[in-house]
Amino acid sequence: MILRDEVLRARHIEGDPDLARAIRTLSPDQPIVLRIEGQPMRFRKVPDRATGQPTDAIGPDEADAAAWRELQTRRGATITVEPEAPRTDPYLLSLSATLTEWNSPEDAAAYDGL
């Protein structure tokens, strides 16, 4: 994708319609982790500044904002944008069948990234 803006817009994603669709369908507070130039970064939807309505744009979380700003120096260049592959720990995978009380969206949100 060509880095064109201070946010990442779904319509600028080239060659991966599934990723563009995933960005468009994000809820306002739902994070998405993308691998930008090989570096994982967490993004969230950015509302329209004038109306506050959802857009097809996502911006980095505060923890990744500095790395994203550094990429802005390359505006106009082609960068790689890929969805972050989920990490599966075989030990935890085997335990997940026995610890079903922890398999809730709330727990996933609370412990995501730890």
N, C-alpha and C. Protein backbone atom coordinates (compact mmCIF):
# COMPACT_ATOMS: atom_id res chain seq x y z
N MET A 1 0.84 -1.17 0.00
CA MET A 1 0.00 0.00 0.00
C MET A 1 0.89 1.24 0.00
N ILE A 2 0.39 2.29 -0.58
CA ILE A 2 1.12 3.56 -0.59
C ILE A 2 0.68 4.35 0.64
N LEU A 3 1.64 4.80 1.42
CA LEU A 3 1.35 5.59 2.62
C LEU A 3 0.93 6.98 2.17
N ARG A 4 -0.35 7.31 2.36
CA ARG A 4 -0.90 8.55 1.81
C ARG A 4 -1.39 9.55 2.84
N ASP A 5 -1.58 9.11 4.07
CA ASP A 5 -2.31 9.95 5.00
C ASP A 5 -1.80 9.70 6.41
N GLU A 6 -2.25 10.51 7.36
CA GLU A 6 -1.86 10.31 8.76
C GLU A 6 -2.62 9.17 9.41
N VAL A 7 -3.64 8.67 8.72
CA VAL A 7 -4.37 7.49 9.16
C VAL A 7 -4.27 6.44 8.06
N LEU A 8 -4.63 5.22 8.40
CA LEU A 8 -4.63 4.15 7.41
C LEU A 8 -6.08 3.94 6.98
N ARG A 9 -6.36 4.09 5.70
CA ARG A 9 -7.72 3.99 5.19
C ARG A 9 -7.93 2.65 4.49
N ALA A 10 -9.07 2.04 4.75
CA ALA A 10 -9.38 0.73 4.16
C ALA A 10 -9.35 0.81 2.64
N ARG A 11 -9.80 1.91 2.07
CA ARG A 11 -9.84 2.01 0.60
C ARG A 11 -8.46 2.05 -0.03
N HIS A 12 -7.41 2.29 0.77
CA HIS A 12 -6.05 2.32 0.23
C HIS A 12 -5.35 0.96 0.32
N ILE A 13 -5.99 -0.02 0.96
CA ILE A 13 -5.41 -1.36 1.06
C ILE A 13 -5.50 -2.01 -0.31
N GLU A 14 -4.37 -2.41 -0.84
CA GLU A 14 -4.33 -3.00 -2.18
C GLU A 14 -4.01 -4.48 -2.08
N GLY A 15 -4.76 -5.30 -2.80
CA GLY A 15 -4.45 -6.71 -2.90
C GLY A 15 -4.93 -7.58 -1.76
N ASP A 16 -5.63 -7.03 -0.78
CA ASP A 16 -6.14 -7.83 0.33
C ASP A 16 -7.54 -7.34 0.70
N PRO A 17 -8.55 -7.74 -0.09
CA PRO A 17 -9.91 -7.27 0.18
C PRO A 17 -10.43 -7.72 1.54
N ASP A 18 -9.95 -8.87 2.05
CA ASP A 18 -10.40 -9.33 3.36
C ASP A 18 -9.93 -8.38 4.47
N LEU A 19 -8.71 -7.89 4.36
CA LEU A 19 -8.19 -6.94 5.34
C LEU A 19 -8.95 -5.62 5.25
N ALA A 20 -9.21 -5.14 4.03
CA ALA A 20 -9.98 -3.90 3.87
C ALA A 20 -11.37 -4.06 4.47
N ARG A 21 -12.00 -5.20 4.26
CA ARG A 21 -13.33 -5.45 4.82
C ARG A 21 -13.27 -5.51 6.35
N ALA A 22 -12.21 -6.14 6.88
CA ALA A 22 -12.07 -6.22 8.34
C ALA A 22 -11.95 -4.83 8.95
N ILE A 23 -11.24 -3.94 8.30
CA ILE A 23 -11.09 -2.56 8.79
C ILE A 23 -12.43 -1.83 8.72
N ARG A 24 -13.13 -1.97 7.61
CA ARG A 24 -14.42 -1.29 7.45
C ARG A 24 -15.45 -1.75 8.48
N THR A 25 -15.40 -3.02 8.87
CA THR A 25 -16.43 -3.56 9.75
C THR A 25 -16.05 -3.51 11.22
N LEU A 26 -14.92 -2.92 11.57
CA LEU A 26 -14.55 -2.78 12.98
C LEU A 26 -15.57 -1.93 13.72
N SER A 27 -15.86 -2.31 14.95
CA SER A 27 -16.68 -1.43 15.78
C SER A 27 -15.77 -0.32 16.31
N PRO A 28 -16.33 0.80 16.76
CA PRO A 28 -15.51 1.95 17.14
C PRO A 28 -14.40 1.67 18.18
N ASP A 29 -14.64 0.79 19.14
CA ASP A 29 -13.62 0.54 20.16
C ASP A 29 -12.86 -0.77 19.96
N GLN A 30 -13.14 -1.46 18.88
CA GLN A 30 -12.49 -2.75 18.64
C GLN A 30 -11.10 -2.54 18.04
N PRO A 31 -10.07 -3.11 18.67
CA PRO A 31 -8.72 -2.96 18.11
C PRO A 31 -8.46 -3.96 16.99
N ILE A 32 -7.51 -3.62 16.14
CA ILE A 32 -7.01 -4.55 15.13
C ILE A 32 -5.49 -4.42 15.14
N VAL A 33 -4.81 -5.54 15.13
CA VAL A 33 -3.35 -5.53 15.11
C VAL A 33 -2.91 -5.84 13.69
N LEU A 34 -2.13 -4.92 13.13
CA LEU A 34 -1.58 -5.08 11.79
C LEU A 34 -0.07 -5.10 11.87
N ARG A 35 0.53 -5.79 10.95
CA ARG A 35 1.99 -5.82 10.85
C ARG A 35 2.36 -4.83 9.75
N ILE A 36 2.92 -3.69 10.17
CA ILE A 36 3.31 -2.62 9.26
C ILE A 36 4.83 -2.67 9.11
N GLU A 37 5.27 -2.92 7.88
CA GLU A 37 6.72 -3.04 7.64
C GLU A 37 7.36 -4.03 8.62
N GLY A 38 6.64 -5.10 8.92
CA GLY A 38 7.16 -6.14 9.80
C GLY A 38 6.97 -5.89 11.28
N GLN A 39 6.46 -4.73 11.65
CA GLN A 39 6.29 -4.38 13.06
C GLN A 39 4.81 -4.40 13.44
N PRO A 40 4.43 -5.17 14.48
CA PRO A 40 3.02 -5.19 14.88
C PRO A 40 2.62 -3.86 15.51
N MET A 41 1.46 -3.35 15.09
CA MET A 41 0.91 -2.11 15.63
C MET A 41 -0.59 -2.30 15.82
N ARG A 42 -1.10 -1.75 16.91
CA ARG A 42 -2.52 -1.83 17.21
C ARG A 42 -3.20 -0.54 16.76
N PHE A 43 -4.31 -0.71 16.03
CA PHE A 43 -5.08 0.42 15.50
C PHE A 43 -6.51 0.33 15.97
N ARG A 44 -7.21 1.48 15.91
CA ARG A 44 -8.64 1.57 16.19
C ARG A 44 -9.26 2.55 15.20
N LYS A 45 -10.58 2.44 15.05
CA LYS A 45 -11.32 3.33 14.15
C LYS A 45 -11.11 4.79 14.54
N VAL A 46 -11.05 5.63 13.53
CA VAL A 46 -10.93 7.07 13.74
C VAL A 46 -12.24 7.71 13.27
N PRO A 47 -12.95 8.43 14.15
CA PRO A 47 -14.20 9.07 13.71
C PRO A 47 -13.92 10.30 12.85
N ASP A 48 -14.90 10.65 12.05
CA ASP A 48 -14.82 11.87 11.25
C ASP A 48 -14.72 13.06 12.19
N ARG A 49 -13.79 13.95 11.95
CA ARG A 49 -13.57 15.09 12.86
C ARG A 49 -14.76 16.04 12.91
N ALA A 50 -15.44 16.20 11.79
CA ALA A 50 -16.56 17.15 11.74
C ALA A 50 -17.84 16.57 12.33
N THR A 51 -18.14 15.31 12.01
CA THR A 51 -19.43 14.74 12.40
C THR A 51 -19.34 13.73 13.54
N GLY A 52 -18.16 13.17 13.77
CA GLY A 52 -18.01 12.13 14.78
C GLY A 52 -18.46 10.76 14.31
N GLN A 53 -18.90 10.67 13.06
CA GLN A 53 -19.37 9.41 12.50
C GLN A 53 -18.19 8.49 12.18
N PRO A 54 -18.41 7.18 12.22
CA PRO A 54 -17.34 6.24 11.86
C PRO A 54 -16.89 6.43 10.41
N THR A 55 -15.63 6.15 10.15
CA THR A 55 -15.07 6.24 8.81
C THR A 55 -14.42 4.91 8.46
N ASP A 56 -13.77 4.85 7.31
CA ASP A 56 -13.03 3.64 6.95
C ASP A 56 -11.57 3.77 7.36
N ALA A 57 -11.28 4.75 8.22
CA ALA A 57 -9.90 5.02 8.63
C ALA A 57 -9.63 4.48 10.03
N ILE A 58 -8.39 4.04 10.23
CA ILE A 58 -7.94 3.60 11.55
C ILE A 58 -6.66 4.35 11.88
N GLY A 59 -6.47 4.61 13.16
CA GLY A 59 -5.26 5.27 13.64
C GLY A 59 -4.61 4.42 14.71
N PRO A 60 -3.33 4.65 14.96
CA PRO A 60 -2.62 3.82 15.94
C PRO A 60 -3.03 4.13 17.36
N ASP A 61 -2.97 3.11 18.22
CA ASP A 61 -3.13 3.32 19.65
C ASP A 61 -1.94 4.14 20.14
N GLU A 62 -2.09 4.73 21.30
CA GLU A 62 -1.04 5.60 21.85
C GLU A 62 0.31 4.90 21.93
N ALA A 63 0.31 3.62 22.28
CA ALA A 63 1.58 2.89 22.43
C ALA A 63 2.34 2.77 21.10
N ASP A 64 1.63 2.82 19.98
CA ASP A 64 2.26 2.68 18.66
C ASP A 64 2.32 3.99 17.88
N ALA A 65 1.87 5.07 18.50
CA ALA A 65 1.79 6.35 17.78
C ALA A 65 3.16 6.86 17.34
N ALA A 66 4.18 6.70 18.16
CA ALA A 66 5.51 7.20 17.79
C ALA A 66 6.05 6.45 16.57
N ALA A 67 5.88 5.14 16.54
CA ALA A 67 6.35 4.36 15.39
C ALA A 67 5.58 4.73 14.14
N TRP A 68 4.28 5.00 14.28
CA TRP A 68 3.48 5.41 13.13
C TRP A 68 3.91 6.79 12.63
N ARG A 69 4.19 7.71 13.56
CA ARG A 69 4.67 9.04 13.15
C ARG A 69 6.00 8.94 12.41
N GLU A 70 6.85 8.02 12.83
CA GLU A 70 8.13 7.82 12.15
C GLU A 70 7.90 7.36 10.71
N LEU A 71 6.91 6.50 10.51
CA LEU A 71 6.59 6.06 9.15
C LEU A 71 6.08 7.20 8.28
N GLN A 72 5.49 8.22 8.89
CA GLN A 72 4.95 9.34 8.13
C GLN A 72 6.03 10.09 7.36
N THR A 73 7.27 9.94 7.76
CA THR A 73 8.36 10.58 7.01
C THR A 73 8.53 9.94 5.63
N ARG A 74 7.93 8.78 5.43
CA ARG A 74 8.02 8.07 4.16
C ARG A 74 6.74 8.20 3.34
N ARG A 75 5.95 9.21 3.64
CA ARG A 75 4.67 9.38 2.93
C ARG A 75 4.91 9.39 1.42
N GLY A 76 4.07 8.63 0.71
CA GLY A 76 4.20 8.49 -0.74
C GLY A 76 4.93 7.20 -1.12
N ALA A 77 5.59 6.57 -0.15
CA ALA A 77 6.31 5.32 -0.40
C ALA A 77 5.37 4.14 -0.21
N THR A 78 5.74 3.02 -0.79
CA THR A 78 4.98 1.79 -0.62
C THR A 78 5.44 1.10 0.66
N ILE A 79 4.47 0.73 1.49
CA ILE A 79 4.76 0.01 2.73
C ILE A 79 3.97 -1.29 2.73
N THR A 80 4.44 -2.26 3.50
CA THR A 80 3.70 -3.51 3.62
C THR A 80 2.75 -3.42 4.81
N VAL A 81 1.53 -3.87 4.59
CA VAL A 81 0.50 -3.90 5.63
C VAL A 81 -0.13 -5.28 5.57
N GLU A 82 -0.01 -6.01 6.67
CA GLU A 82 -0.56 -7.36 6.75
C GLU A 82 -1.30 -7.53 8.06
N PRO A 83 -2.31 -8.39 8.07
CA PRO A 83 -2.94 -8.69 9.35
C PRO A 83 -1.97 -9.48 10.21
N GLU A 84 -1.97 -9.22 11.49
CA GLU A 84 -1.11 -9.96 12.41
C GLU A 84 -1.68 -11.37 12.57
N ALA A 85 -0.84 -12.35 12.35
CA ALA A 85 -1.27 -13.74 12.50
C ALA A 85 -1.48 -14.03 13.98
N PRO A 86 -2.58 -14.66 14.32
CA PRO A 86 -2.80 -14.99 15.73
C PRO A 86 -1.74 -15.97 16.21
N ARG A 87 -1.25 -15.71 17.41
CA ARG A 87 -0.26 -16.60 18.01
C ARG A 87 -0.99 -17.67 18.81
N THR A 88 -0.66 -18.90 18.54
CA THR A 88 -1.29 -20.00 19.26
C THR A 88 -0.22 -20.76 20.03
N ASP A 89 -0.36 -20.76 21.32
CA ASP A 89 0.53 -21.52 22.19
C ASP A 89 -0.08 -22.91 22.34
N PRO A 90 0.64 -23.96 21.93
CA PRO A 90 0.08 -25.31 21.99
C PRO A 90 -0.38 -25.71 23.40
N TYR A 91 0.36 -25.28 24.42
CA TYR A 91 -0.01 -25.61 25.80
C TYR A 91 -1.33 -24.94 26.16
N LEU A 92 -1.44 -23.66 25.84
CA LEU A 92 -2.68 -22.95 26.15
C LEU A 92 -3.85 -23.47 25.31
N LEU A 93 -3.57 -23.87 24.10
CA LEU A 93 -4.61 -24.42 23.25
C LEU A 93 -5.20 -25.68 23.87
N SER A 94 -4.34 -26.53 24.42
CA SER A 94 -4.83 -27.76 25.06
C SER A 94 -5.62 -27.44 26.33
N LEU A 95 -5.24 -26.38 27.04
CA LEU A 95 -5.97 -25.99 28.25
C LEU A 95 -7.30 -25.31 27.96
N SER A 96 -7.41 -24.70 26.80
CA SER A 96 -8.61 -23.92 26.51
C SER A 96 -9.88 -24.76 26.56
N ALA A 97 -9.76 -26.06 26.28
CA ALA A 97 -10.94 -26.92 26.34
C ALA A 97 -11.40 -27.15 27.77
N THR A 98 -10.49 -27.01 28.73
CA THR A 98 -10.85 -27.25 30.13
C THR A 98 -11.18 -25.98 30.89
N LEU A 99 -10.80 -24.84 30.36
CA LEU A 99 -11.02 -23.57 31.06
C LEU A 99 -12.01 -22.69 30.30
N THR A 100 -13.16 -23.25 29.98
CA THR A 100 -14.12 -22.54 29.14
C THR A 100 -14.70 -21.30 29.80
N GLU A 101 -14.64 -21.23 31.13
CA GLU A 101 -15.17 -20.02 31.79
C GLU A 101 -14.36 -18.78 31.46
N TRP A 102 -13.15 -18.97 30.90
CA TRP A 102 -12.31 -17.83 30.52
C TRP A 102 -12.44 -17.48 29.04
N ASN A 103 -13.28 -18.16 28.33
CA ASN A 103 -13.43 -17.94 26.90
C ASN A 103 -14.56 -16.94 26.62
N SER A 104 -14.40 -15.74 27.10
CA SER A 104 -15.42 -14.72 26.85
C SER A 104 -14.79 -13.55 26.12
N PRO A 105 -15.57 -12.79 25.37
CA PRO A 105 -15.03 -11.60 24.70
C PRO A 105 -14.45 -10.59 25.70
N GLU A 106 -15.06 -10.52 26.89
CA GLU A 106 -14.56 -9.59 27.91
C GLU A 106 -13.16 -9.97 28.37
N ASP A 107 -12.95 -11.28 28.60
CA ASP A 107 -11.63 -11.75 29.02
C ASP A 107 -10.62 -11.56 27.90
N ALA A 108 -11.03 -11.83 26.67
CA ALA A 108 -10.13 -11.66 25.54
C ALA A 108 -9.68 -10.20 25.44
N ALA A 109 -10.62 -9.27 25.61
CA ALA A 109 -10.27 -7.84 25.55
C ALA A 109 -9.37 -7.44 26.71
N ALA A 110 -9.64 -7.99 27.90
CA ALA A 110 -8.86 -7.62 29.08
C ALA A 110 -7.43 -8.14 29.00
N TYR A 111 -7.26 -9.32 28.46
CA TYR A 111 -5.93 -9.95 28.47
C TYR A 111 -5.24 -9.90 27.12
N ASP A 112 -5.84 -9.30 26.12
CA ASP A 112 -5.22 -9.21 24.80
C ASP A 112 -3.92 -8.43 24.89
N GLY A 113 -2.88 -8.99 24.32
CA GLY A 113 -1.59 -8.31 24.30
C GLY A 113 -0.70 -8.57 25.48
N LEU A 114 -1.16 -9.34 26.46
CA LEU A 114 -0.31 -9.63 27.62
C LEU A 114 0.68 -10.70 27.30
